[in-house]
């Protein structure tokens, strides 16, 4: 195993132990996130919010996410990812049950800001920790972490839907989630790597997107924009534009999510054999092909296939971007990952309203057709994820 660079120097620890710890964190993050998403309708009914009021409240979460990612990107070189993960995870667990206890709109929005801050901060810190572990393995494992996040999200959504159907109060559901999360976090913390020294780049001023990261930022923004747009509009397109019944319309996003999860779980194996650049470019081809199927047919079954191809296409590029950013010379890994996360999630928040606005002019079919540009960008810029990659060989991580 090659020695760690000064920017990623860590205290001795079995790589498999560290990998298990990071996997646990991704599972916890996905579980909490999905548990919240599936209970939004219950909170809306509980507080008797209108659609507009709920939309206003939900703005608190992305605001908190941006704040948390920016703050953690600045603090990581000073405190280290292990400390940041502990603080963010505990803060998130402390805040989470209050989402079900907020008595009115202003307090719900305040809690959502804190929820977003701790969620976004933990996201950056655990990806920084994942980059450390990947560096020690000397082969791609980042996509697998994100795949486990997707698995936990599906399990959390299914469990949350079951509990909601049985009438379990939101606050009790969220307390149960925290009761599962806290022991898992405590167990994971014991296996997290500790940076032995702060990176030399820690003295540099924080920039949202340093010039060296611009090509990677384009990929991150575009891929998550596409993911967010499909998440919000696939069901609407199948139901309203193609006349599908509700059950069939929901299948589009289910197939999209399933193939994205499968793509992430197999992404490390494929990246090891094909290389990161080929994976991103192949993803771009799948996005273009998927959108082509959607635009050229009126059959719901074909459109569902198209959404599945897009899910497979966007599965791995974002994890690969995070890995490439962490290897960028002269930029602290934590800050590089924070920049990618912030720019990427900005795309996921921007995508859905942009598609809605364009749909008013071009129809929803025409607006979704713009996502072909995402595939083309992946084809054009995909080679940048290979830059600086010094770990393409197979190594026994012990």
Protein backbone atom coordinates (compact mmCIF):
# COMPACT_ATOMS: atom_id res chain seq x y z
CA UNK A 1 0.00 0.00 0.00
CA UNK A 2 1.40 3.38 -0.95
CA UNK A 3 1.96 5.88 1.82
CA UNK A 4 -0.66 8.53 2.47
CA UNK A 5 -0.01 12.02 1.29
CA UNK A 6 0.36 14.76 3.92
CA UNK A 7 -3.09 16.05 3.02
CA UNK A 8 -4.63 12.70 3.85
CA UNK A 9 -2.32 11.41 6.58
CA UNK A 10 -4.27 9.32 9.09
CA UNK A 11 -3.61 7.47 12.31
CA UNK A 12 -3.07 3.72 11.87
CA UNK A 13 -6.33 1.79 11.62
CA UNK A 14 -7.44 -1.34 9.83
CA UNK A 15 -8.86 -0.21 6.47
CA UNK A 16 -11.76 -2.65 6.68
CA UNK A 17 -12.69 -1.33 10.11
CA UNK A 18 -12.65 2.22 8.75
CA UNK A 19 -14.67 1.17 5.71
CA UNK A 20 -17.32 -0.45 7.91
CA UNK A 21 -17.50 2.72 10.02
CA UNK A 22 -18.02 4.98 7.00
CA UNK A 23 -20.59 2.58 5.52
CA UNK A 24 -22.51 2.78 8.80
CA UNK A 25 -22.55 6.57 8.60
CA UNK A 26 -23.93 6.51 5.06
CA UNK A 27 -26.64 4.08 6.16
CA UNK A 28 -27.62 6.33 9.08
CA UNK A 29 -27.69 9.41 6.86
CA UNK A 30 -29.89 7.71 4.27
CA UNK A 31 -32.24 6.34 6.94
CA UNK A 32 -32.82 9.71 8.61
CA UNK A 33 -33.24 11.54 5.31
CA UNK A 34 -35.80 9.04 3.96
CA UNK A 35 -37.69 8.95 7.26
CA UNK A 36 -38.22 12.70 7.03
CA UNK A 37 -39.23 12.69 3.36
CA UNK A 38 -41.90 10.04 3.79
CA UNK A 39 -43.57 11.85 6.70
CA UNK A 40 -43.79 15.31 5.09
CA UNK A 41 -47.48 14.82 4.19
CA UNK A 42 -48.28 13.94 7.82
CA UNK A 43 -46.54 17.06 9.11
CA UNK A 44 -48.39 19.13 6.52
CA UNK A 45 -51.72 17.74 7.72
CA UNK A 46 -50.72 18.00 11.38
CA UNK A 47 -50.01 21.74 11.08
CA UNK A 48 -52.80 22.31 8.52
CA UNK A 49 -50.40 23.92 6.08
CA UNK A 50 -51.35 24.97 2.59
CA UNK A 51 -49.17 23.92 -0.34
CA UNK A 52 -47.63 27.38 -0.37
CA UNK A 53 -46.91 27.34 3.35
CA UNK A 54 -45.31 23.92 3.11
CA UNK A 55 -43.18 25.09 0.21
CA UNK A 56 -42.05 28.06 2.30
CA UNK A 57 -41.16 25.82 5.23
CA UNK A 58 -39.22 23.43 3.03
CA UNK A 59 -36.96 26.28 1.92
CA UNK A 60 -35.38 26.09 5.36
CA UNK A 61 -33.69 22.74 4.68
CA UNK A 62 -31.65 23.73 1.59
CA UNK A 63 -30.70 26.98 3.29
CA UNK A 64 -29.37 25.03 6.24
CA UNK A 65 -27.61 22.53 3.94
CA UNK A 66 -25.67 25.29 2.18
CA UNK A 67 -24.72 26.84 5.51
CA UNK A 68 -23.63 23.49 6.94
CA UNK A 69 -21.56 22.54 3.89
CA UNK A 70 -19.83 25.91 3.79
CA UNK A 71 -19.14 25.87 7.54
CA UNK A 72 -17.80 22.32 7.56
CA UNK A 73 -15.66 22.96 4.48
CA UNK A 74 -13.96 25.71 6.47
CA UNK A 75 -13.70 23.73 9.75
CA UNK A 76 -12.53 20.38 8.38
CA UNK A 77 -8.83 21.31 8.02
CA UNK A 78 -8.89 22.69 11.57
CA UNK A 79 -10.84 20.01 13.45
CA UNK A 80 -10.70 16.90 11.24
CA UNK A 81 -13.54 14.88 9.81
CA UNK A 82 -13.88 12.52 12.80
CA UNK A 83 -14.70 15.36 15.20
CA UNK A 84 -16.96 17.11 12.70
CA UNK A 85 -18.90 13.89 12.00
CA UNK A 86 -19.50 13.35 15.71
CA UNK A 87 -20.77 16.89 16.28
CA UNK A 88 -22.95 16.97 13.18
CA UNK A 89 -24.43 13.52 13.74
CA UNK A 90 -25.30 14.22 17.37
CA UNK A 91 -26.76 17.60 16.48
CA UNK A 92 -28.85 16.04 13.70
CA UNK A 93 -30.21 13.37 16.05
CA UNK A 94 -31.04 16.00 18.67
CA UNK A 95 -32.95 18.16 16.18
CA UNK A 96 -34.70 15.42 14.21
CA UNK A 97 -37.57 14.58 16.61
CA UNK A 98 -38.52 18.26 16.84
CA UNK A 99 -39.66 18.14 13.21
CA UNK A 100 -42.65 16.20 14.50
CA UNK A 101 -43.15 18.49 17.48
CA UNK A 102 -43.01 21.92 15.80
CA UNK A 103 -46.33 23.62 16.66
CA UNK A 104 -46.45 26.15 13.82
CA UNK A 105 -44.93 27.21 10.49
CA UNK A 106 -42.18 29.56 11.79
CA UNK A 107 -40.83 26.98 14.23
CA UNK A 108 -41.00 24.22 11.63
CA UNK A 109 -38.95 26.37 9.28
CA UNK A 110 -36.41 27.10 12.04
CA UNK A 111 -36.07 23.40 12.85
CA UNK A 112 -35.65 22.63 9.14
CA UNK A 113 -32.79 25.14 8.93
CA UNK A 114 -31.03 23.31 11.77
CA UNK A 115 -31.93 19.95 10.22
CA UNK A 116 -30.37 21.04 6.94
CA UNK A 117 -27.28 22.46 8.64
CA UNK A 118 -26.48 19.23 10.48
CA UNK A 119 -27.47 17.04 7.51
CA UNK A 120 -25.33 19.01 5.04
CA UNK A 121 -22.42 19.24 7.45
CA UNK A 122 -22.45 15.52 8.14
CA UNK A 123 -22.70 14.85 4.40
CA UNK A 124 -19.46 16.72 3.69
CA UNK A 125 -17.59 15.29 6.66
CA UNK A 126 -18.51 11.67 5.98
CA UNK A 127 -17.57 12.04 2.31
CA UNK A 128 -14.22 13.47 3.42
CA UNK A 129 -13.79 10.43 5.66
CA UNK A 130 -14.81 8.19 2.75
CA UNK A 131 -12.10 9.80 0.60
CA UNK A 132 -9.52 9.03 3.30
CA UNK A 133 -10.56 5.39 3.41
CA UNK A 134 -10.60 5.13 -0.39
CA UNK A 135 -7.08 6.54 -0.49
CA UNK A 136 -5.89 3.83 1.89
CA UNK A 137 -7.55 1.09 -0.13
CA UNK A 138 -5.92 2.34 -3.31
CA UNK A 139 -8.95 1.41 -5.41
CA UNK A 140 -12.43 2.86 -6.00
CA UNK A 141 -14.91 2.35 -3.15
CA UNK A 142 -16.72 5.71 -3.04
CA UNK A 143 -19.68 4.66 -5.20
CA UNK A 144 -20.35 1.76 -2.86
CA UNK A 145 -20.79 4.14 0.07
CA UNK A 146 -23.34 6.12 -1.91
CA UNK A 147 -25.02 2.89 -2.95
CA UNK A 148 -25.53 1.96 0.69
CA UNK A 149 -27.02 5.42 1.28
CA UNK A 150 -29.55 4.65 -1.46
CA UNK A 151 -30.32 1.24 0.06
CA UNK A 152 -30.92 2.80 3.48
CA UNK A 153 -33.10 5.43 1.84
CA UNK A 154 -35.33 2.79 0.26
CA UNK A 155 -35.56 0.83 3.53
CA UNK A 156 -36.28 4.00 5.51
CA UNK A 157 -38.97 5.09 3.06
CA UNK A 158 -40.63 1.65 3.12
CA UNK A 159 -40.53 1.47 6.93
CA UNK A 160 -41.76 5.04 7.24
CA UNK A 161 -44.63 4.40 4.86
CA UNK A 162 -45.61 1.31 6.85
CA UNK A 163 -45.54 3.20 10.18
CA UNK A 164 -47.44 6.13 8.71
CA UNK A 165 -50.09 3.74 7.42
CA UNK A 166 -50.45 2.32 10.94
CA UNK A 167 -51.00 5.82 12.32
CA UNK A 168 -47.81 6.09 14.39
CA UNK A 169 -47.33 9.74 15.43
CA UNK A 170 -44.51 11.48 13.59
CA UNK A 171 -42.59 12.38 16.75
CA UNK A 172 -42.58 8.75 17.95
CA UNK A 173 -41.44 7.56 14.53
CA UNK A 174 -38.56 10.05 14.53
CA UNK A 175 -37.59 9.14 18.10
CA UNK A 176 -37.44 5.49 17.03
CA UNK A 177 -35.17 6.44 14.13
CA UNK A 178 -32.87 8.33 16.52
CA UNK A 179 -32.86 5.32 18.87
CA UNK A 180 -31.48 3.26 15.97
CA UNK A 181 -29.12 5.95 14.73
CA UNK A 182 -27.34 6.87 17.97
CA UNK A 183 -25.86 3.43 18.77
CA UNK A 184 -24.84 3.07 15.11
CA UNK A 185 -23.07 6.44 15.23
CA UNK A 186 -21.29 5.50 18.48
CA UNK A 187 -20.16 2.22 16.91
CA UNK A 188 -19.00 3.93 13.73
CA UNK A 189 -17.06 6.62 15.58
CA UNK A 190 -14.68 4.01 17.00
CA UNK A 191 -13.58 3.04 13.51
CA UNK A 192 -13.16 6.47 11.93
CA UNK A 193 -9.74 7.59 10.74
CA UNK A 194 -8.04 10.52 12.44
CA UNK A 195 -5.99 12.95 10.35
CA UNK A 196 -2.54 13.24 11.89
CA UNK A 197 -1.93 16.76 10.64
CA UNK A 198 -3.97 19.45 8.90
CA UNK A 199 -3.37 19.88 5.18
CA UNK A 200 -0.99 22.57 4.02
CA UNK A 201 -3.88 24.15 2.13
CA UNK A 202 -5.64 24.86 5.42
CA UNK A 203 -4.19 28.34 5.48
CA UNK A 204 -5.72 29.23 2.13
CA UNK A 205 -8.89 31.26 2.02
CA UNK A 206 -12.09 29.35 1.34
CA UNK A 207 -13.43 29.59 -2.17
CA UNK A 208 -16.76 28.07 -3.12
CA UNK A 209 -15.33 26.67 -6.34
CA UNK A 210 -11.58 27.09 -6.92
CA UNK A 211 -10.66 27.26 -10.63
CA UNK A 212 -9.00 23.84 -10.50
CA UNK A 213 -12.33 22.32 -9.51
CA UNK A 214 -14.46 24.06 -12.12
CA UNK A 215 -14.72 21.11 -14.58
CA UNK A 216 -15.63 18.75 -11.74
CA UNK A 217 -18.14 21.31 -10.49
CA UNK A 218 -19.82 21.32 -13.89
CA UNK A 219 -20.29 17.54 -13.67
CA UNK A 220 -21.54 17.66 -10.07
CA UNK A 221 -24.01 20.47 -10.77
CA UNK A 222 -25.33 18.85 -13.96
CA UNK A 223 -25.70 15.32 -12.58
CA UNK A 224 -27.56 16.36 -9.44
CA UNK A 225 -29.69 18.81 -11.44
CA UNK A 226 -30.76 15.85 -13.58
CA UNK A 227 -31.37 13.68 -10.52
CA UNK A 228 -33.49 16.36 -8.85
CA UNK A 229 -35.47 17.06 -12.02
CA UNK A 230 -36.31 13.37 -12.58
CA UNK A 231 -37.21 12.96 -8.92
CA UNK A 232 -39.77 15.77 -9.01
CA UNK A 233 -41.11 15.49 -12.56
CA UNK A 234 -40.99 11.85 -13.71
CA UNK A 235 -44.26 10.93 -12.01
CA UNK A 236 -45.93 14.11 -13.20
CA UNK A 237 -44.80 13.47 -16.78
CA UNK A 238 -46.06 9.88 -16.83
CA UNK A 239 -49.38 10.81 -15.25
CA UNK A 240 -50.25 14.09 -16.93
CA UNK A 241 -48.37 14.01 -20.23
CA UNK A 242 -48.76 10.29 -21.02
CA UNK A 243 -52.03 9.65 -19.16
CA UNK A 244 -50.70 6.83 -16.95
CA UNK A 245 -52.70 5.71 -13.90
CA UNK A 246 -51.17 6.70 -10.52
CA UNK A 247 -49.62 3.28 -9.85
CA UNK A 248 -47.91 3.15 -13.23
CA UNK A 249 -46.81 6.78 -12.97
CA UNK A 250 -45.01 6.10 -9.69
CA UNK A 251 -43.11 3.23 -11.32
CA UNK A 252 -40.98 5.64 -13.32
CA UNK A 253 -39.21 7.02 -10.27
CA UNK A 254 -39.05 3.57 -8.64
CA UNK A 255 -37.19 2.15 -11.66
CA UNK A 256 -34.98 5.26 -11.79
CA UNK A 257 -34.06 4.81 -8.10
CA UNK A 258 -33.52 1.06 -8.35
CA UNK A 259 -31.14 1.29 -11.31
CA UNK A 260 -29.30 4.19 -9.71
CA UNK A 261 -28.82 2.08 -6.57
CA UNK A 262 -27.66 -0.94 -8.57
CA UNK A 263 -25.31 1.31 -10.53
CA UNK A 264 -23.75 2.63 -7.33
CA UNK A 265 -23.38 -0.80 -5.76
CA UNK A 266 -21.57 -2.08 -8.86
CA UNK A 267 -19.85 1.21 -9.69
CA UNK A 268 -16.61 0.58 -7.81
CA UNK A 269 -16.13 -2.78 -9.56
CA UNK A 270 -16.80 -1.19 -12.95
CA UNK A 271 -14.57 1.81 -12.23
CA UNK A 272 -11.68 -0.47 -11.28
CA UNK A 273 -11.94 -2.22 -14.63
CA UNK A 274 -12.94 0.60 -16.98
CA UNK A 275 -11.61 3.75 -15.30
CA UNK A 276 -13.49 6.72 -13.88
CA UNK A 277 -13.53 8.71 -17.13
CA UNK A 278 -15.16 5.90 -19.09
CA UNK A 279 -17.78 5.44 -16.38
CA UNK A 280 -18.76 9.12 -16.47
CA UNK A 281 -18.84 9.19 -20.27
CA UNK A 282 -20.85 5.96 -20.40
CA UNK A 283 -23.22 7.59 -17.92
CA UNK A 284 -23.56 10.52 -20.29
CA UNK A 285 -24.48 8.14 -23.12
CA UNK A 286 -27.10 6.47 -20.92
CA UNK A 287 -28.65 9.85 -20.05
CA UNK A 288 -28.81 10.82 -23.73
CA UNK A 289 -30.24 7.41 -24.65
CA UNK A 290 -32.79 7.53 -21.84
CA UNK A 291 -34.00 10.98 -22.80
CA UNK A 292 -34.13 9.88 -26.44
CA UNK A 293 -36.46 7.01 -25.52
CA UNK A 294 -38.65 9.34 -23.46
CA UNK A 295 -38.92 11.97 -26.17
CA UNK A 296 -39.49 9.62 -29.09
CA UNK A 297 -42.35 7.59 -27.66
CA UNK A 298 -45.77 8.07 -26.11
CA UNK A 299 -45.78 4.63 -24.47
CA UNK A 300 -45.54 4.78 -20.64
CA UNK A 301 -43.57 1.50 -20.53
CA UNK A 302 -40.92 2.94 -22.86
CA UNK A 303 -40.73 6.16 -20.84
CA UNK A 304 -40.23 4.11 -17.66
CA UNK A 305 -37.35 2.32 -19.40
CA UNK A 306 -35.93 5.72 -20.32
CA UNK A 307 -36.05 6.89 -16.70
CA UNK A 308 -34.28 3.67 -15.70
CA UNK A 309 -31.47 4.33 -18.19
CA UNK A 310 -31.07 7.84 -16.77
CA UNK A 311 -30.91 6.42 -13.24
CA UNK A 312 -28.10 4.10 -14.28
CA UNK A 313 -26.35 6.99 -16.03
CA UNK A 314 -26.31 9.35 -13.04
CA UNK A 315 -25.48 6.64 -10.48
CA UNK A 316 -21.70 6.96 -10.28
CA UNK A 317 -20.51 10.35 -11.61
CA UNK A 318 -21.10 12.30 -8.38
CA UNK A 319 -19.19 9.84 -6.13
CA UNK A 320 -16.39 9.81 -8.72
CA UNK A 321 -16.33 13.62 -8.74
CA UNK A 322 -15.94 13.64 -4.95
CA UNK A 323 -13.03 11.21 -5.18
CA UNK A 324 -11.33 13.25 -7.90
CA UNK A 325 -11.84 16.50 -5.99
CA UNK A 326 -10.26 15.00 -2.87
CA UNK A 327 -7.12 14.20 -4.92
CA UNK A 328 -6.76 17.72 -6.36
CA UNK A 329 -3.27 19.07 -5.56
CA UNK A 330 -2.91 22.11 -3.27
CA UNK A 331 -6.56 22.01 -2.14
CA UNK A 332 -7.51 20.46 1.19
CA UNK A 333 -9.61 17.34 0.57
CA UNK A 334 -12.36 18.47 2.95
CA UNK A 335 -12.72 21.84 1.30
CA UNK A 336 -12.70 20.29 -2.17
CA UNK A 337 -15.46 17.88 -1.18
CA UNK A 338 -17.42 20.70 0.47
CA UNK A 339 -17.20 22.74 -2.73
CA UNK A 340 -18.40 19.80 -4.84
CA UNK A 341 -21.23 19.03 -2.44
CA UNK A 342 -22.39 22.64 -2.33
CA UNK A 343 -22.30 23.12 -6.10
CA UNK A 344 -23.84 19.70 -6.72
CA UNK A 345 -26.73 20.15 -4.32
CA UNK A 346 -27.31 23.59 -5.74
CA UNK A 347 -28.02 21.80 -9.00
CA UNK A 348 -30.49 19.44 -7.30
CA UNK A 349 -32.37 22.41 -5.86
CA UNK A 350 -32.27 24.42 -9.09
CA UNK A 351 -33.27 21.59 -11.43
CA UNK A 352 -36.94 21.06 -10.49
CA UNK A 353 -38.06 24.73 -10.61
CA UNK A 354 -36.12 25.32 -13.85
CA UNK A 355 -37.89 22.37 -15.49
CA UNK A 356 -41.22 23.74 -14.26
CA UNK A 357 -40.52 27.21 -15.62
CA UNK A 358 -39.36 25.93 -19.01
CA UNK A 359 -42.37 23.60 -19.19
CA UNK A 360 -44.63 26.66 -19.19
CA UNK A 361 -43.03 27.61 -22.51
CA UNK A 362 -42.01 24.32 -24.16
CA UNK A 363 -44.34 21.78 -22.49
CA UNK A 364 -43.04 19.31 -19.93
CA UNK A 365 -41.76 16.97 -22.64
CA UNK A 366 -39.69 19.76 -24.14
CA UNK A 367 -38.40 20.88 -20.76
CA UNK A 368 -37.25 17.37 -19.84
CA UNK A 369 -35.55 17.19 -23.23
CA UNK A 370 -33.10 19.81 -21.98
CA UNK A 371 -31.66 17.12 -19.71
CA UNK A 372 -29.94 15.73 -22.80
CA UNK A 373 -27.49 18.58 -22.26
CA UNK A 374 -26.49 16.92 -18.99
CA UNK A 375 -25.48 13.79 -20.87
CA UNK A 376 -23.53 15.82 -23.40
CA UNK A 377 -21.67 17.67 -20.64
CA UNK A 378 -20.77 14.36 -19.03
CA UNK A 379 -19.36 13.20 -22.35
CA UNK A 380 -17.35 16.40 -22.85
CA UNK A 381 -15.98 16.90 -19.33
CA UNK A 382 -15.98 13.32 -18.03
CA UNK A 383 -12.26 12.88 -18.57
CA UNK A 384 -11.50 15.31 -15.74
CA UNK A 385 -12.48 12.76 -13.08
CA UNK A 386 -9.40 10.76 -14.08
CA UNK A 387 -6.98 13.65 -13.45
CA UNK A 388 -4.65 13.02 -10.56
CA UNK A 389 -5.85 9.47 -10.11
CA UNK A 390 -2.95 7.55 -8.77
CA UNK A 391 -4.89 4.60 -7.45
CA UNK A 392 -6.24 2.52 -10.26
CA UNK A 393 -4.66 -0.79 -9.43
CA UNK A 394 -6.01 -3.59 -7.28
CA UNK A 395 -4.58 -3.82 -3.79
CA UNK A 396 -5.33 -6.03 -0.87
CA UNK A 397 -6.69 -3.73 1.82
CA UNK A 398 -6.26 -6.33 4.50
